[in-house]
C-alpha cells in the first residue's frame, strides 16, 4: 500500500508541475498523450484505492482530462470581432 500511496503522490506532483509548465509558462515538456497517460494512471490508483484520493487531486477536477487540450485550441482561435472589418 505504501508503494501505491507514494506513486499517487508522485503522480499528483508531476501532473501539477506539467500543468504549471503548460498553462503558466507555455513551455510544455510532455505531449498531451503522455500527460493523459499520467492522469489515467492516477485515476486508476485513486479508484482502486479510494483512501489515497486527495481533495486537491488533479484527477478529481471536473473535465480534468480534456482541460489541457481544449484550453490550447480555445486560446489559438482569433476573436472574430477583431478579424472581420
PDB file of N, CA and C in Angstrom:
ATOM      1  N   UNK A   1       0.818  -1.204   0.000  1.00  0.00           N
ATOM      2  CA  UNK A   1       0.000   0.000   0.000  1.00  0.00           C
ATOM      3  C   UNK A   1       0.858   1.262   0.000  1.00  0.00           C
ATOM      4  N   UNK A   2       1.989   1.218   0.707  1.00  0.00           N
ATOM      5  CA  UNK A   2       2.850   2.402   0.739  1.00  0.00           C
ATOM      6  C   UNK A   2       3.366   2.748  -0.652  1.00  0.00           C
ATOM      7  N   UNK A   3       3.629   1.720  -1.454  1.00  0.00           N
ATOM      8  CA  UNK A   3       4.093   1.973  -2.812  1.00  0.00           C
ATOM      9  C   UNK A   3       3.025   2.681  -3.629  1.00  0.00           C
ATOM     10  N   UNK A   4       1.756   2.290  -3.468  1.00  0.00           N
ATOM     11  CA  UNK A   4       0.663   2.939  -4.186  1.00  0.00           C
ATOM     12  C   UNK A   4       0.506   4.383  -3.723  1.00  0.00           C
ATOM     13  N   UNK A   5       0.613   4.610  -2.419  1.00  0.00           N
ATOM     14  CA  UNK A   5       0.484   5.965  -1.877  1.00  0.00           C
ATOM     15  C   UNK A   5       1.605   6.855  -2.400  1.00  0.00           C
ATOM     16  N   UNK A   6       2.801   6.319  -2.428  1.00  0.00           N
ATOM     17  CA  UNK A   6       3.950   7.083  -2.931  1.00  0.00           C
ATOM     18  C   UNK A   6       3.783   7.375  -4.424  1.00  0.00           C
ATOM     19  N   UNK A   7       3.334   6.380  -5.177  1.00  0.00           N
ATOM     20  CA  UNK A   7       3.135   6.582  -6.612  1.00  0.00           C
ATOM     21  C   UNK A   7       2.059   7.635  -6.872  1.00  0.00           C
ATOM     22  N   UNK A   8       0.967   7.586  -6.114  1.00  0.00           N
ATOM     23  CA  UNK A   8      -0.112   8.556  -6.299  1.00  0.00           C
ATOM     24  C   UNK A   8       0.379   9.972  -6.009  1.00  0.00           C
ATOM     25  N   UNK A   9       1.131  10.145  -4.933  1.00  0.00           N
ATOM     26  CA  UNK A   9       1.635  11.477  -4.591  1.00  0.00           C
ATOM     27  C   UNK A   9       2.632  11.967  -5.641  1.00  0.00           C
ATOM     28  N   UNK A  10       3.468  11.062  -6.126  1.00  0.00           N
ATOM     29  CA  UNK A  10       4.421  11.423  -7.179  1.00  0.00           C
ATOM     30  C   UNK A  10       3.685  11.842  -8.447  1.00  0.00           C
ATOM     31  N   UNK A  11       2.654  11.106  -8.812  1.00  0.00           N
ATOM     32  CA  UNK A  11       1.864  11.455 -10.000  1.00  0.00           C
ATOM     33  C   UNK A  11       1.182  12.806  -9.828  1.00  0.00           C
ATOM     34  N   UNK A  12       0.611  13.073  -8.659  1.00  0.00           N
ATOM     35  CA  UNK A  12      -0.037  14.369  -8.414  1.00  0.00           C
ATOM     36  C   UNK A  12       0.956  15.510  -8.587  1.00  0.00           C
ATOM     37  N   UNK A  13       2.131  15.349  -7.989  1.00  0.00           N
ATOM     38  CA  UNK A  13       3.160  16.390  -8.094  1.00  0.00           C
ATOM     39  C   UNK A  13       3.604  16.578  -9.545  1.00  0.00           C
ATOM     40  N   UNK A  14       3.781  15.481 -10.240  1.00  0.00           N
ATOM     41  CA  UNK A  14       4.216  15.549 -11.637  1.00  0.00           C
ATOM     42  C   UNK A  14       3.148  16.214 -12.513  1.00  0.00           C
ATOM     43  N   UNK A  15       1.895  15.853 -12.308  1.00  0.00           N
ATOM     44  CA  UNK A  15       0.812  16.463 -13.084  1.00  0.00           C
ATOM     45  C   UNK A  15       0.710  17.958 -12.799  1.00  0.00           C
ATOM     46  N   UNK A  16       0.814  18.343 -11.537  1.00  0.00           N
ATOM     47  CA  UNK A  16       0.773  19.775 -11.203  1.00  0.00           C
ATOM     48  C   UNK A  16       1.925  20.521 -11.856  1.00  0.00           C
ATOM     49  N   UNK A  17       3.110  19.922 -11.852  1.00  0.00           N
ATOM     50  CA  UNK A  17       4.277  20.542 -12.481  1.00  0.00           C
ATOM     51  C   UNK A  17       4.041  20.725 -13.989  1.00  0.00           C
ATOM     52  N   UNK A  18       3.527  19.688 -14.626  1.00  0.00           N
ATOM     53  CA  UNK A  18       3.270  19.785 -16.066  1.00  0.00           C
ATOM     54  C   UNK A  18       2.174  20.805 -16.364  1.00  0.00           C
ATOM     55  N   UNK A  19       1.173  20.902 -15.501  1.00  0.00           N
ATOM     56  CA  UNK A  19       0.130  21.922 -15.688  1.00  0.00           C
ATOM     57  C   UNK A  19       0.720  23.322 -15.582  1.00  0.00           C
ATOM     58  N   UNK A  20       1.619  23.540 -14.633  1.00  0.00           N
ATOM     59  CA  UNK A  20       2.267  24.847 -14.488  1.00  0.00           C
ATOM     60  C   UNK A  20       3.106  25.169 -15.726  1.00  0.00           C
ATOM     61  N   UNK A  21       3.883  24.199 -16.170  1.00  0.00           N
ATOM     62  CA  UNK A  21       4.691  24.406 -17.376  1.00  0.00           C
ATOM     63  C   UNK A  21       3.816  24.733 -18.584  1.00  0.00           C
ATOM     64  N   UNK A  22       2.695  24.063 -18.695  1.00  0.00           N
ATOM     65  CA  UNK A  22       1.804  24.207 -19.851  1.00  0.00           C
ATOM     66  C   UNK A  22       1.016  25.511 -19.803  1.00  0.00           C
ATOM     67  N   UNK A  23       0.323  25.736 -18.680  1.00  0.00           N
ATOM     68  CA  UNK A  23      -0.604  26.867 -18.592  1.00  0.00           C
ATOM     69  C   UNK A  23       0.064  28.184 -18.227  1.00  0.00           C
ATOM     70  N   UNK A  24       1.021  28.152 -17.325  1.00  0.00           N
ATOM     71  CA  UNK A  24       1.624  29.389 -16.835  1.00  0.00           C
ATOM     72  C   UNK A  24       2.825  29.799 -17.666  1.00  0.00           C
ATOM     73  N   UNK A  25       3.730  28.873 -17.904  1.00  0.00           N
ATOM     74  CA  UNK A  25       4.963  29.200 -18.609  1.00  0.00           C
ATOM     75  C   UNK A  25       4.889  28.990 -20.118  1.00  0.00           C
ATOM     76  N   UNK A  26       3.851  28.310 -20.588  1.00  0.00           N
ATOM     77  CA  UNK A  26       3.703  27.979 -22.008  1.00  0.00           C
ATOM     78  C   UNK A  26       4.949  27.263 -22.537  1.00  0.00           C
ATOM     79  N   UNK A  27       5.444  26.321 -21.725  1.00  0.00           N
ATOM     80  CA  UNK A  27       6.628  25.548 -22.082  1.00  0.00           C
ATOM     81  C   UNK A  27       6.405  24.071 -21.746  1.00  0.00           C
ATOM     82  N   UNK A  28       5.471  23.420 -22.422  1.00  0.00           N
ATOM     83  CA  UNK A  28       5.201  22.012 -22.099  1.00  0.00           C
ATOM     84  C   UNK A  28       6.416  21.134 -22.345  1.00  0.00           C
ATOM     85  N   UNK A  29       6.584  20.151 -21.474  1.00  0.00           N
ATOM     86  CA  UNK A  29       7.685  19.199 -21.611  1.00  0.00           C
ATOM     87  C   UNK A  29       7.216  17.820 -22.063  1.00  0.00           C
ATOM     88  N   UNK A  30       5.913  17.578 -22.003  1.00  0.00           N
ATOM     89  CA  UNK A  30       5.373  16.288 -22.424  1.00  0.00           C
ATOM     90  C   UNK A  30       4.227  16.525 -23.397  1.00  0.00           C
ATOM     91  N   UNK A  31       3.958  15.530 -24.200  1.00  0.00           N
ATOM     92  CA  UNK A  31       2.843  15.618 -25.141  1.00  0.00           C
ATOM     93  C   UNK A  31       1.528  15.467 -24.385  1.00  0.00           C
ATOM     94  N   UNK A  32       0.443  15.816 -25.029  1.00  0.00           N
ATOM     95  CA  UNK A  32      -0.873  15.620 -24.425  1.00  0.00           C
ATOM     96  C   UNK A  32      -1.111  14.143 -24.126  1.00  0.00           C
ATOM     97  N   UNK A  33      -0.637  13.270 -25.011  1.00  0.00           N
ATOM     98  CA  UNK A  33      -0.814  11.827 -24.799  1.00  0.00           C
ATOM     99  C   UNK A  33      -0.066  11.360 -23.555  1.00  0.00           C
ATOM    100  N   UNK A  34       1.141  11.869 -23.338  1.00  0.00           N
ATOM    101  CA  UNK A  34       1.907  11.494 -22.145  1.00  0.00           C
ATOM    102  C   UNK A  34       1.227  12.022 -20.876  1.00  0.00           C
ATOM    103  N   UNK A  35       0.749  13.254 -20.935  1.00  0.00           N
ATOM    104  CA  UNK A  35       0.020  13.841 -19.807  1.00  0.00           C
ATOM    105  C   UNK A  35      -1.223  13.004 -19.499  1.00  0.00           C
ATOM    106  N   UNK A  36      -1.967  12.648 -20.534  1.00  0.00           N
ATOM    107  CA  UNK A  36      -3.182  11.849 -20.355  1.00  0.00           C
ATOM    108  C   UNK A  36      -2.864  10.487 -19.734  1.00  0.00           C
ATOM    109  N   UNK A  37      -1.747   9.895 -20.108  1.00  0.00           N
ATOM    110  CA  UNK A  37      -1.350   8.601 -19.541  1.00  0.00           C
ATOM    111  C   UNK A  37      -1.063   8.735 -18.042  1.00  0.00           C
ATOM    112  N   UNK A  38      -0.401   9.812 -17.649  1.00  0.00           N
ATOM    113  CA  UNK A  38      -0.148  10.060 -16.225  1.00  0.00           C
ATOM    114  C   UNK A  38      -1.471  10.232 -15.473  1.00  0.00           C
ATOM    115  N   UNK A  39      -2.388  10.992 -16.072  1.00  0.00           N
ATOM    116  CA  UNK A  39      -3.688  11.228 -15.445  1.00  0.00           C
ATOM    117  C   UNK A  39      -4.476   9.926 -15.324  1.00  0.00           C
ATOM    118  N   UNK A  40      -4.446   9.103 -16.369  1.00  0.00           N
ATOM    119  CA  UNK A  40      -5.144   7.813 -16.325  1.00  0.00           C
ATOM    120  C   UNK A  40      -4.612   6.937 -15.198  1.00  0.00           C
ATOM    121  N   UNK A  41      -3.295   6.903 -15.063  1.00  0.00           N
ATOM    122  CA  UNK A  41      -2.695   6.078 -14.014  1.00  0.00           C
ATOM    123  C   UNK A  41      -3.098   6.582 -12.632  1.00  0.00           C
ATOM    124  N   UNK A  42      -3.117   7.893 -12.427  1.00  0.00           N
ATOM    125  CA  UNK A  42      -3.542   8.444 -11.143  1.00  0.00           C
ATOM    126  C   UNK A  42      -4.998   8.091 -10.865  1.00  0.00           C
ATOM    127  N   UNK A  43      -5.849   8.210 -11.875  1.00  0.00           N
ATOM    128  CA  UNK A  43      -7.265   7.849 -11.697  1.00  0.00           C
ATOM    129  C   UNK A  43      -7.418   6.370 -11.335  1.00  0.00           C
ATOM    130  N   UNK A  44      -6.650   5.518 -12.025  1.00  0.00           N
ATOM    131  CA  UNK A  44      -6.701   4.079 -11.720  1.00  0.00           C
ATOM    132  C   UNK A  44      -6.336   3.824 -10.260  1.00  0.00           C
ATOM    133  N   UNK A  45      -5.274   4.468  -9.797  1.00  0.00           N
ATOM    134  CA  UNK A  45      -4.845   4.278  -8.412  1.00  0.00           C
ATOM    135  C   UNK A  45      -5.903   4.763  -7.431  1.00  0.00           C
ATOM    136  N   UNK A  46      -6.453   5.947  -7.689  1.00  0.00           N
ATOM    137  CA  UNK A  46      -7.436   6.521  -6.780  1.00  0.00           C
ATOM    138  C   UNK A  46      -8.751   5.741  -6.791  1.00  0.00           C
ATOM    139  N   UNK A  47      -9.108   5.157  -7.918  1.00  0.00           N
ATOM    140  CA  UNK A  47     -10.321   4.338  -7.973  1.00  0.00           C
ATOM    141  C   UNK A  47     -10.112   2.992  -7.290  1.00  0.00           C
ATOM    142  N   UNK A  48      -8.942   2.404  -7.466  1.00  0.00           N
ATOM    143  CA  UNK A  48      -8.647   1.112  -6.848  1.00  0.00           C
ATOM    144  C   UNK A  48      -8.402   1.244  -5.342  1.00  0.00           C
ATOM    145  N   UNK A  49      -7.930   2.414  -4.926  1.00  0.00           N
ATOM    146  CA  UNK A  49      -7.612   2.673  -3.514  1.00  0.00           C
ATOM    147  C   UNK A  49      -8.187   4.034  -3.123  1.00  0.00           C
ATOM    148  N   UNK A  50      -9.497   4.104  -2.885  1.00  0.00           N
ATOM    149  CA  UNK A  50     -10.159   5.385  -2.594  1.00  0.00           C
ATOM    150  C   UNK A  50      -9.544   6.138  -1.415  1.00  0.00           C
ATOM    151  N   UNK A  51      -8.918   5.432  -0.501  1.00  0.00           N
ATOM    152  CA  UNK A  51      -8.291   6.096   0.643  1.00  0.00           C
ATOM    153  C   UNK A  51      -7.093   6.956   0.228  1.00  0.00           C
ATOM    154  N   UNK A  52      -6.594   6.743  -0.993  1.00  0.00           N
ATOM    155  CA  UNK A  52      -5.466   7.531  -1.496  1.00  0.00           C
ATOM    156  C   UNK A  52      -5.921   8.828  -2.164  1.00  0.00           C
ATOM    157  N   UNK A  53      -7.195   8.914  -2.484  1.00  0.00           N
ATOM    158  CA  UNK A  53      -7.710  10.104  -3.170  1.00  0.00           C
ATOM    159  C   UNK A  53      -7.551  11.322  -2.276  1.00  0.00           C
ATOM    160  N   UNK A  54      -7.175  12.411  -2.880  1.00  0.00           N
ATOM    161  CA  UNK A  54      -6.959  13.668  -2.178  1.00  0.00           C
ATOM    162  C   UNK A  54      -7.950  14.696  -2.709  1.00  0.00           C
ATOM    163  N   UNK A  55      -8.485  15.571  -1.853  1.00  0.00           N
ATOM    164  CA  UNK A  55      -9.470  16.560  -2.325  1.00  0.00           C
ATOM    165  C   UNK A  55      -8.901  17.509  -3.384  1.00  0.00           C
ATOM    166  N   UNK A  56      -7.597  17.707  -3.365  1.00  0.00           N
ATOM    167  CA  UNK A  56      -6.985  18.618  -4.339  1.00  0.00           C
ATOM    168  C   UNK A  56      -6.290  17.884  -5.482  1.00  0.00           C
ATOM    169  N   UNK A  57      -6.628  16.620  -5.660  1.00  0.00           N
ATOM    170  CA  UNK A  57      -6.009  15.813  -6.706  1.00  0.00           C
ATOM    171  C   UNK A  57      -6.386  16.322  -8.094  1.00  0.00           C
ATOM    172  N   UNK A  58      -5.417  16.393  -9.004  1.00  0.00           N
ATOM    173  CA  UNK A  58      -5.733  16.767 -10.385  1.00  0.00           C
ATOM    174  C   UNK A  58      -6.769  15.829 -11.016  1.00  0.00           C
ATOM    175  N   UNK A  59      -6.803  14.584 -10.588  1.00  0.00           N
ATOM    176  CA  UNK A  59      -7.749  13.610 -11.140  1.00  0.00           C
ATOM    177  C   UNK A  59      -9.172  13.870 -10.676  1.00  0.00           C
ATOM    178  N   UNK A  60      -9.338  14.641  -9.634  1.00  0.00           N
ATOM    179  CA  UNK A  60     -10.666  14.909  -9.099  1.00  0.00           C
ATOM    180  C   UNK A  60     -11.364  16.100  -9.712  1.00  0.00           C
ATOM    181  N   UNK A  61     -10.656  16.833 -10.541  1.00  0.00           N
ATOM    182  CA  UNK A  61     -11.260  18.012 -11.163  1.00  0.00           C
ATOM    183  C   UNK A  61     -12.221  17.623 -12.262  1.00  0.00           C
ATOM    184  N   UNK A  62     -13.298  18.355 -12.372  1.00  0.00           N
ATOM    185  CA  UNK A  62     -14.276  18.121 -13.436  1.00  0.00           C
ATOM    186  C   UNK A  62     -13.622  18.475 -14.766  1.00  0.00           C
ATOM    187  N   UNK A  63     -13.690  17.541 -15.699  1.00  0.00           N
ATOM    188  CA  UNK A  63     -13.131  17.792 -17.029  1.00  0.00           C
ATOM    189  C   UNK A  63     -11.618  17.804 -17.058  1.00  0.00           C
ATOM    190  N   UNK A  64     -10.967  17.247 -16.080  1.00  0.00           N
ATOM    191  CA  UNK A  64      -9.510  17.303 -15.991  1.00  0.00           C
ATOM    192  C   UNK A  64      -8.820  16.707 -17.215  1.00  0.00           C
ATOM    193  N   UNK A  65      -9.375  15.642 -17.774  1.00  0.00           N
ATOM    194  CA  UNK A  65      -8.698  15.005 -18.904  1.00  0.00           C
ATOM    195  C   UNK A  65      -8.785  15.829 -20.180  1.00  0.00           C
ATOM    196  N   UNK A  66      -9.781  16.680 -20.288  1.00  0.00           N
ATOM    197  CA  UNK A  66      -9.936  17.466 -21.506  1.00  0.00           C
ATOM    198  C   UNK A  66      -9.515  18.910 -21.342  1.00  0.00           C
ATOM    199  N   UNK A  67      -9.309  19.355 -20.121  1.00  0.00           N
ATOM    200  CA  UNK A  67      -8.988  20.759 -19.877  1.00  0.00           C
ATOM    201  C   UNK A  67      -7.732  21.183 -20.617  1.00  0.00           C
ATOM    202  N   UNK A  68      -6.741  20.343 -20.631  1.00  0.00           N
ATOM    203  CA  UNK A  68      -5.476  20.689 -21.245  1.00  0.00           C
ATOM    204  C   UNK A  68      -5.614  20.864 -22.757  1.00  0.00           C
ATOM    205  N   UNK A  69      -6.236  19.931 -23.420  1.00  0.00           N
ATOM    206  CA  UNK A  69      -6.374  20.008 -24.880  1.00  0.00           C
ATOM    207  C   UNK A  69      -7.296  21.147 -25.297  1.00  0.00           C
ATOM    208  N   UNK A  70      -8.388  21.338 -24.593  1.00  0.00           N
ATOM    209  CA  UNK A  70      -9.348  22.363 -25.007  1.00  0.00           C
ATOM    210  C   UNK A  70      -8.831  23.765 -24.755  1.00  0.00           C
ATOM    211  N   UNK A  71      -8.005  23.980 -23.737  1.00  0.00           N
ATOM    212  CA  UNK A  71      -7.524  25.331 -23.457  1.00  0.00           C
ATOM    213  C   UNK A  71      -6.600  25.819 -24.557  1.00  0.00           C
ATOM    214  N   UNK A  72      -5.774  24.949 -25.076  1.00  0.00           N
ATOM    215  CA  UNK A  72      -4.852  25.372 -26.125  1.00  0.00           C
ATOM    216  C   UNK A  72      -5.619  25.723 -27.401  1.00  0.00           C
ATOM    217  N   UNK A  73      -6.589  24.918 -27.789  1.00  0.00           N
ATOM    218  CA  UNK A  73      -7.335  25.211 -29.012  1.00  0.00           C
ATOM    219  C   UNK A  73      -8.211  26.446 -28.826  1.00  0.00           C
ATOM    220  N   UNK A  74      -8.704  26.653 -27.612  1.00  0.00           N
ATOM    221  CA  UNK A  74      -9.548  27.816 -27.363  1.00  0.00           C
ATOM    222  C   UNK A  74      -8.738  29.098 -27.429  1.00  0.00           C
ATOM    223  N   UNK A  75      -7.507  29.082 -26.968  1.00  0.00           N
ATOM    224  CA  UNK A  75      -6.700  30.292 -26.976  1.00  0.00           C
ATOM    225  C   UNK A  75      -6.079  30.552 -28.344  1.00  0.00           C
ATOM    226  N   UNK A  76      -6.049  29.560 -29.213  1.00  0.00           N
ATOM    227  CA  UNK A  76      -5.435  29.724 -30.520  1.00  0.00           C
ATOM    228  C   UNK A  76      -6.371  30.373 -31.530  1.00  0.00           C
ATOM    229  N   UNK A  77      -7.643  30.425 -31.246  1.00  0.00           N
ATOM    230  CA  UNK A  77      -8.601  30.986 -32.196  1.00  0.00           C
ATOM    231  C   UNK A  77      -8.636  32.510 -32.102  1.00  0.00           C
ATOM    232  N   UNK A  78      -8.590  33.184 -33.220  1.00  0.00           N
ATOM    233  CA  UNK A  78      -8.680  34.642 -33.177  1.00  0.00           C
ATOM    234  C   UNK A  78     -10.116  35.077 -32.881  1.00  0.00           C
ATOM    235  N   UNK A  79     -10.241  36.203 -32.280  1.00  0.00           N
ATOM    236  CA  UNK A  79     -11.551  36.761 -31.993  1.00  0.00           C
ATOM    237  C   UNK A  79     -12.157  37.257 -33.307  1.00  0.00           C
ATOM    238  N   UNK A  80     -13.341  36.823 -33.648  1.00  0.00           N
ATOM    239  CA  UNK A  80     -13.942  37.170 -34.930  1.00  0.00           C
ATOM    240  C   UNK A  80     -14.221  38.659 -35.025  1.00  0.00           C
ATOM    241  N   UNK A  81     -14.487  39.324 -33.901  1.00  0.00           N
ATOM    242  CA  UNK A  81     -14.755  40.755 -33.933  1.00  0.00           C
ATOM    243  C   UNK A  81     -13.515  41.544 -34.331  1.00  0.00           C
ATOM    244  N   UNK A  82     -12.366  41.027 -34.039  1.00  0.00           N
ATOM    245  CA  UNK A  82     -11.119  41.732 -34.373  1.00  0.00           C
ATOM    246  C   UNK A  82     -10.665  41.422 -35.796  1.00  0.00           C
ATOM    247  N   UNK A  83     -11.008  40.260 -36.304  1.00  0.00           N
ATOM    248  CA  UNK A  83     -10.514  39.866 -37.632  1.00  0.00           C
ATOM    249  C   UNK A  83     -11.435  40.243 -38.758  1.00  0.00           C
ATOM    250  N   UNK A  84     -12.683  40.543 -38.465  1.00  0.00           N
ATOM    251  CA  UNK A  84     -13.639  40.873 -39.521  1.00  0.00           C
ATOM    252  C   UNK A  84     -13.898  42.370 -39.510  1.00  0.00           C
ATOM    253  N   UNK A  85     -13.309  43.073 -40.423  1.00  0.00           N
ATOM    254  CA  UNK A  85     -13.516  44.521 -40.512  1.00  0.00           C
ATOM    255  C   UNK A  85     -13.994  44.917 -41.865  1.00  0.00           C
TER     256      UNK A  85
END
